[in-house]
Structures are given as C-alpha cells and as structure tokens.
Protein backbone atom coordinates (compact mmCIF):
# COMPACT_ATOMS: atom_id res chain seq x y z
CA MET A 1 133.55 123.32 -9.66
CA GLY A 2 130.32 122.50 -7.78
CA ARG A 3 128.37 121.84 -10.95
CA ALA A 4 131.11 119.49 -12.07
CA PHE A 5 130.89 117.64 -8.78
CA VAL A 6 127.04 117.18 -9.13
CA ALA A 7 127.50 115.93 -12.62
CA GLY A 8 129.94 113.43 -11.35
CA LEU A 9 127.50 112.21 -8.84
CA VAL A 10 124.81 111.73 -11.52
CA VAL A 11 127.25 109.72 -13.70
CA ALA A 12 128.12 107.64 -10.57
CA ALA A 13 124.39 106.98 -9.83
CA ALA A 14 123.85 105.90 -13.48
CA LEU A 15 126.57 103.31 -13.09
CA THR A 16 125.40 102.05 -9.76
CA GLY A 17 121.54 102.20 -10.26
CA CYS A 18 121.02 104.58 -7.41
CA THR A 19 118.66 107.54 -6.92
CA VAL A 20 120.26 110.86 -6.10
CA GLN A 21 118.97 114.32 -5.17
CA THR A 22 120.39 117.67 -6.12
CA PRO A 23 120.34 120.83 -4.17
CA GLU A 24 118.02 123.50 -5.56
CA GLY A 25 118.24 127.21 -4.44
CA GLU A 26 117.74 127.86 -0.77
CA GLY A 27 118.39 124.27 0.33
CA LYS A 28 115.31 122.99 -1.52
CA ARG A 29 115.35 119.52 -2.86
CA ARG A 30 114.04 118.39 -6.27
CA SER A 31 111.99 115.30 -6.96
CA PRO A 32 113.87 112.08 -7.19
CA VAL A 33 115.77 111.37 -10.44
CA HIS A 34 114.60 108.08 -11.82
CA ILE A 35 117.30 106.11 -13.54
CA GLU A 36 116.83 102.90 -15.56
CA LEU A 37 118.88 100.10 -13.94
CA PRO A 38 121.00 97.87 -16.08
CA GLY A 39 118.83 95.14 -17.80
CA GLY A 40 115.72 97.30 -18.04
CA THR A 41 114.59 96.97 -14.48
CA PRO A 42 112.81 100.22 -13.22
CA SER A 43 113.94 101.97 -10.13
CA PRO A 44 111.43 101.85 -7.22
CA GLY A 45 110.02 105.43 -8.12
CA ARG A 46 109.16 104.44 -11.73
CA THR A 47 105.59 105.01 -12.93
CA PRO A 48 103.86 101.53 -13.37
CA GLY A 49 102.77 100.72 -16.89
CA GLY A 50 104.19 99.15 -20.08
CA ASP A 51 107.71 98.59 -20.93
CA ASP A 52 107.82 102.13 -22.23
CA GLY A 53 106.64 103.64 -18.92
CA ARG A 54 103.07 104.33 -20.25
CA PRO A 55 100.07 103.07 -18.23
CA ASP A 56 98.62 99.68 -19.32
CA PRO A 57 96.02 99.96 -22.11
CA ALA A 58 92.34 99.84 -21.09
CA PRO A 59 90.74 96.40 -21.17
CA ARG A 60 88.84 95.49 -24.31
CA PRO A 61 84.98 96.25 -24.16
CA ASP A 62 84.06 92.51 -24.19
CA ASP A 63 86.62 91.39 -21.42
CA ASP A 64 84.03 92.02 -18.81
CA LYS A 65 81.15 90.33 -20.48
CA PRO A 66 79.80 87.15 -18.68
CA ARG A 67 80.84 83.82 -20.16
CA THR A 68 78.09 82.06 -21.94
CA ALA A 69 77.38 78.71 -20.46
CA PRO A 70 77.62 75.76 -22.83
CA ALA A 71 74.29 74.51 -24.18
CA PRO A 72 73.00 71.27 -22.40
CA PRO A 73 72.92 68.19 -24.51
CA ARG A 74 69.79 67.65 -26.52
CA VAL A 75 67.10 65.33 -25.01
CA LEU A 76 66.14 62.47 -27.26
CA TRP A 77 63.51 60.73 -25.25
CA ALA A 78 61.80 61.35 -21.90
CA ARG A 79 59.00 60.09 -19.81
CA GLY A 80 55.73 59.67 -21.86
CA ASP A 81 57.47 59.01 -25.18
CA THR A 82 56.61 55.80 -27.03
CA GLY A 83 57.87 54.04 -30.06
CA ARG A 84 60.54 51.71 -31.61
CA ASP A 85 63.44 53.96 -30.43
CA VAL A 86 62.25 53.75 -26.79
CA ARG A 87 62.12 49.87 -27.27
CA GLU A 88 65.83 49.96 -28.27
CA LEU A 89 66.71 52.19 -25.38
CA GLN A 90 65.01 49.58 -23.05
CA ALA A 91 66.56 46.68 -24.66
CA ARG A 92 69.95 48.26 -24.20
CA LEU A 93 69.30 49.12 -20.60
CA ARG A 94 68.47 45.52 -20.03
CA GLN A 95 71.82 44.50 -21.50
CA VAL A 96 73.65 46.50 -18.75
CA ALA A 97 71.23 45.27 -16.04
CA TRP A 98 69.62 48.66 -15.38
CA LEU A 99 66.20 47.65 -16.55
CA PHE A 100 64.35 44.34 -16.03
CA GLU A 101 60.97 44.86 -17.52
CA GLY A 102 59.95 45.14 -21.09
CA PRO A 103 60.94 46.28 -23.50
CA THR A 104 57.44 47.83 -23.75
CA GLY A 105 57.95 50.77 -26.03
CA THR A 106 56.69 53.22 -23.44
CA TYR A 107 59.08 55.51 -21.50
CA GLY A 108 57.55 55.08 -18.08
CA GLU A 109 58.68 55.40 -14.42
CA GLN A 110 60.84 52.23 -14.49
CA THR A 111 62.62 53.42 -17.60
CA GLU A 112 63.13 56.93 -16.18
CA ARG A 113 64.61 55.38 -12.96
CA ALA A 114 66.90 53.10 -14.97
CA VAL A 115 68.25 55.99 -17.04
CA SER A 116 68.84 58.04 -13.85
CA GLY A 117 70.71 55.35 -12.33
CA PHE A 118 72.90 54.70 -15.45
CA GLN A 119 73.63 58.41 -15.49
CA GLY A 120 74.71 58.70 -11.87
CA LYS A 121 76.90 55.61 -12.16
CA ARG A 122 78.76 57.40 -14.92
CA GLY A 123 79.03 60.91 -13.45
CA LEU A 124 76.44 62.39 -15.72
CA PRO A 125 73.50 64.61 -14.43
CA ARG A 126 70.80 62.44 -13.13
CA THR A 127 67.91 63.83 -15.12
CA GLY A 128 66.19 60.46 -16.10
CA LYS A 129 65.96 61.85 -19.60
CA THR A 130 67.82 60.24 -22.35
CA ASP A 131 70.05 63.08 -23.85
CA THR A 132 72.68 62.71 -26.62
CA VAL A 133 75.56 62.21 -24.14
CA THR A 134 73.72 59.54 -22.26
CA TRP A 135 72.67 57.76 -25.43
CA GLN A 136 76.24 57.82 -26.78
CA ARG A 137 77.70 56.36 -23.61
CA LEU A 138 74.98 53.52 -23.71
CA LEU A 139 75.68 52.72 -27.36
CA ARG A 140 79.46 52.21 -26.53
CA MET A 141 78.63 49.79 -23.83
CA THR A 142 75.97 47.61 -25.66
CA ARG A 143 75.32 45.65 -28.86
CA GLU A 144 72.61 46.13 -31.47
CA PRO A 145 69.47 44.48 -30.28
CA GLY A 146 67.76 42.01 -32.49
CA ARG A 147 64.06 41.79 -33.20
CA TRP A 148 63.29 39.45 -30.36
CA ASP A 149 65.26 41.57 -28.01
CA LEU A 150 63.10 44.47 -28.92
CA TYR A 151 59.86 42.38 -28.47
CA LEU A 152 61.14 40.15 -25.64
CA MET A 153 57.90 40.31 -23.78
CA GLY A 154 55.66 40.61 -26.88
CA GLY A 155 53.92 43.50 -28.37
CA GLN A 156 55.05 42.77 -32.01
CA ARG A 157 52.56 43.07 -34.91
CA ALA A 158 50.96 40.02 -36.37
CA ASP A 159 51.82 39.17 -40.05
CA PRO A 160 48.89 38.79 -42.44
CA PRO A 161 46.89 35.59 -41.70
CA ASP A 162 47.48 32.33 -43.54
CA ALA A 163 44.82 31.80 -46.30
CA ARG A 164 43.73 28.75 -44.37
CA CYS A 165 42.63 31.09 -41.51
CA LEU A 166 40.08 33.09 -43.62
CA THR A 167 37.05 30.88 -43.19
CA GLY A 168 35.34 29.54 -40.12
CA ARG A 169 36.35 29.75 -36.55
CA VAL A 170 40.11 29.54 -36.36
CA LEU A 171 43.09 29.88 -33.95
CA CYS A 172 45.54 31.25 -36.57
CA ILE A 173 49.09 30.72 -35.36
CA ASP A 174 52.04 32.27 -37.00
CA LYS A 175 55.52 31.17 -36.03
CA THR A 176 57.24 34.00 -38.05
CA SER A 177 55.60 36.83 -36.19
CA ARG A 178 55.02 34.64 -33.12
CA THR A 179 51.48 35.70 -32.81
CA LEU A 180 47.97 34.04 -32.46
CA ARG A 181 45.03 35.56 -34.22
CA TRP A 182 41.49 34.42 -33.02
CA MET A 183 39.52 34.67 -36.26
CA VAL A 184 35.83 34.32 -37.17
CA ASP A 185 34.83 34.25 -40.74
CA GLY A 186 37.92 36.15 -41.80
CA ARG A 187 37.64 38.73 -39.15
CA THR A 188 40.29 39.09 -36.52
CA VAL A 189 38.61 39.16 -33.05
CA SER A 190 41.85 39.33 -30.99
CA THR A 191 45.53 38.96 -31.31
CA MET A 192 48.27 38.01 -28.74
CA ALA A 193 51.93 37.13 -28.53
CA VAL A 194 52.80 33.47 -28.27
CA ARG A 195 55.88 31.36 -27.61
CA PHE A 196 56.76 27.92 -29.12
CA GLY A 197 58.65 24.79 -28.43
CA SER A 198 62.44 24.60 -28.54
CA ARG A 199 64.34 22.95 -31.25
CA GLY A 200 64.37 19.72 -29.38
CA THR A 201 60.60 19.79 -28.66
CA PRO A 202 59.12 21.77 -31.69
CA THR A 203 55.64 22.90 -32.02
CA ARG A 204 54.04 20.96 -34.88
CA GLU A 205 52.78 22.69 -37.96
CA GLY A 206 49.69 22.03 -39.88
CA VAL A 207 45.86 22.20 -39.70
CA PHE A 208 44.40 20.80 -36.51
CA SER A 209 41.18 21.17 -34.41
CA VAL A 210 40.61 21.77 -30.65
CA TYR A 211 39.64 18.40 -29.11
CA TRP A 212 39.84 19.06 -25.50
CA LYS A 213 39.72 22.07 -23.18
CA SER A 214 41.04 21.93 -19.56
CA ARG A 215 40.81 25.15 -17.34
CA ASP A 216 43.15 24.04 -14.69
CA HIS A 217 45.29 21.60 -16.35
CA VAL A 218 48.62 20.33 -14.90
CA SER A 219 51.08 18.56 -17.32
CA THR A 220 51.51 14.81 -16.48
CA LEU A 221 54.78 14.70 -18.37
CA TYR A 222 56.49 17.83 -16.86
CA ASP A 223 54.26 18.42 -13.69
CA SER A 224 53.90 22.09 -14.78
CA PRO A 225 50.67 24.11 -14.64
CA MET A 226 48.85 24.65 -18.02
CA PRO A 227 45.90 26.94 -17.20
CA TYR A 228 43.31 27.56 -19.99
CA ALA A 229 44.68 24.57 -21.90
CA MET A 230 43.15 24.01 -25.33
CA PHE A 231 44.60 20.80 -26.80
CA PHE A 232 44.87 20.42 -30.60
CA SER A 233 47.77 17.81 -31.43
CA GLY A 234 48.66 14.96 -29.04
CA GLY A 235 49.87 16.64 -25.90
CA GLN A 236 50.30 20.08 -27.47
CA ALA A 237 47.99 22.81 -26.50
CA VAL A 238 47.50 26.57 -26.47
CA HIS A 239 47.63 27.63 -22.81
CA PHE A 240 48.77 30.37 -20.41
CA SER A 241 52.50 30.26 -19.24
CA ALA A 242 53.74 32.04 -16.19
CA ASP A 243 57.27 31.41 -17.32
CA PHE A 244 56.55 33.12 -20.57
CA ALA A 245 54.95 36.10 -18.66
CA ALA A 246 58.09 36.41 -16.58
CA ARG A 247 61.01 35.71 -19.03
CA GLY A 248 59.50 36.32 -22.45
CA TYR A 249 61.21 34.83 -25.31
CA ALA A 250 64.25 34.10 -23.26
CA GLY A 251 62.60 30.67 -22.63
CA ALA A 252 60.62 28.14 -24.63
CA SER A 253 57.90 25.49 -24.20
CA HIS A 254 58.03 21.76 -24.57
CA GLY A 255 56.03 22.07 -27.78
CA CYS A 256 52.95 23.86 -26.56
CA VAL A 257 51.83 27.36 -27.76
CA ASN A 258 52.36 29.56 -24.66
CA VAL A 259 50.40 32.88 -24.08
CA ARG A 260 51.81 35.39 -21.63
CA ASP A 261 48.68 37.55 -21.17
CA GLU A 262 46.50 35.81 -18.77
CA ARG A 263 43.41 38.03 -19.16
CA ALA A 264 43.56 37.64 -22.98
CA ILE A 265 43.75 33.98 -22.93
CA ALA A 266 41.06 33.77 -20.23
CA GLU A 267 38.73 35.57 -22.72
CA LEU A 268 39.85 33.46 -25.65
CA TYR A 269 39.23 30.20 -23.61
CA ALA A 270 35.69 31.33 -22.99
CA GLN A 271 35.02 31.83 -26.73
CA VAL A 272 36.65 28.80 -28.24
CA ARG A 273 34.79 25.63 -28.72
CA ASN A 274 35.81 21.96 -29.22
CA GLY A 275 36.07 21.39 -32.83
CA ASP A 276 37.32 24.97 -33.91
CA LYS A 277 40.12 24.94 -36.42
CA VAL A 278 43.79 25.47 -35.42
CA VAL A 279 46.39 26.46 -38.12
CA VAL A 280 50.03 26.58 -37.15
CA SER A 281 52.32 27.97 -39.91
CA TRP A 282 55.56 29.84 -40.79
C-alpha cells in the first residue's frame, strides 16, 4: 500500500509540475525527480542545454576570429600630383567655394587644405587626399567644367602659329588658344596666356605693327593702369593686367591684349622694338 501511495504522489506531481522526493532505505533521500512542466518549460533542476536537454553545441571554429576591417577608399590624387585631372578637381572645388586659386594643375598645399575642409564639412575623414568617396561626393555637387574653367588662370598650350608669324620678329596672338607667342624668324622665344576684349569692345584682328611703347602707361579713356604697354592698333595694346592676374578669364579687357604674368611681359617688353609685327588671328 505504501508503494501505491508513492506512485500517487508522482502522478500528482506530474499534474502540478512539482518536484518530489521519495524515501530510500534507512531514511535516505534520492536526488530530485525532474519533471517536464506543461508547455515544455523545464523544472528548476533541469540541466541547461538545447531543447532536448543536451548541452549547447560548441561554437564554430571561425566564430572567434577577428572581423576584417573594410578596406579604405582608393586614393585618386594627393599632394604632389599634377595633370588635367588635378585641374578638374581644382575647378570643381572652386565651384563650391573651397578653393580660390588656380586651377594650376598641381596638387599643392592650398588644394590639400581645400580637400580637407570639404571632407570635414561632410563627415568624411579629413585626409586632404582625394579618394573615391570624396570624389564621388564632389561630382554630385558640381557641374562638368569647361575648357576655360580648367584654364581660368592660364597654363593652356598654344596652338600652332599662324603662317604670317613664321618670318621676322612677331607678336603672334591666337584668340582660339588665348596665347601670345613671341617669335623671331619662325622660332618661339616665349609663350604666355592672354585675354581679349569683350563682345562689346572686341580686340581687332589682322596684321599690325608696334608703333609705341609706354612702360608705365595709364589709360586716358578708363583711367586704369596699363604697365608695359605696346600699342599696335589705335588705343589697343599688349600690356600687363592686374585684373587678369587676379580674376583670370572671368573678366575681359576693353579691347587690349592682357597678360597676367608680370615677369614674362617685363622680359617681352625689353625685347620688342617699335616696328615689330603683330598678328592677331583666330
């Protein structure tokens, strides 16, 4: 009858989710009987593990390997680089007012500083180097620069000289490439960027000659300085322009041929003589 009583207790425990103990021999007790509660919830004494009571599987061998950091974006241009691509970078930085010099085609201190500022403003690492992420962000914010955006401050190559420039001493001025070649007997002595008159005051084209030189000339019409002036057609002259040096092709003359490199035109002025030929062509 005692065994029947114990069996009844076990059945009751199974129904109520309890843990029971049964007497063993001389009053000794057995280990707790672990009974699954309704709904699959283990009793407090259940061995931790999977749903089937077995321990969790060991972690996979690669679970504790360190995560590989993503590769940094590829650097396209950095300080010391030169070329047309650097000019485009500088032209685009000018559009968003991060660069005010050039474009020069040389990645120098000013360009590095402009790139760093652009990066910092947009939450990118301030490296000063133009990587693929920085470049894509700049492309989305700017337009494709034109030729005279790339060569705003000069530096463009001269086109082949006009045939009329191949003999004698000639100031060979090309409106297409915006350059002046100083030529002697078909040989180019020096080349420099030049700027012309606006649509309302165009620079005249044709073959002329230098008829007057004035080292420290001031315009009587516009009251503006015209240093190293070499007059060739009425009031039009080749001369140094501080405005061209400051603003590049963003401005225009009143018909004169402007030079922005003061040292270059000073040397040219010393070599040119009255009577030397001037050819202005497209």
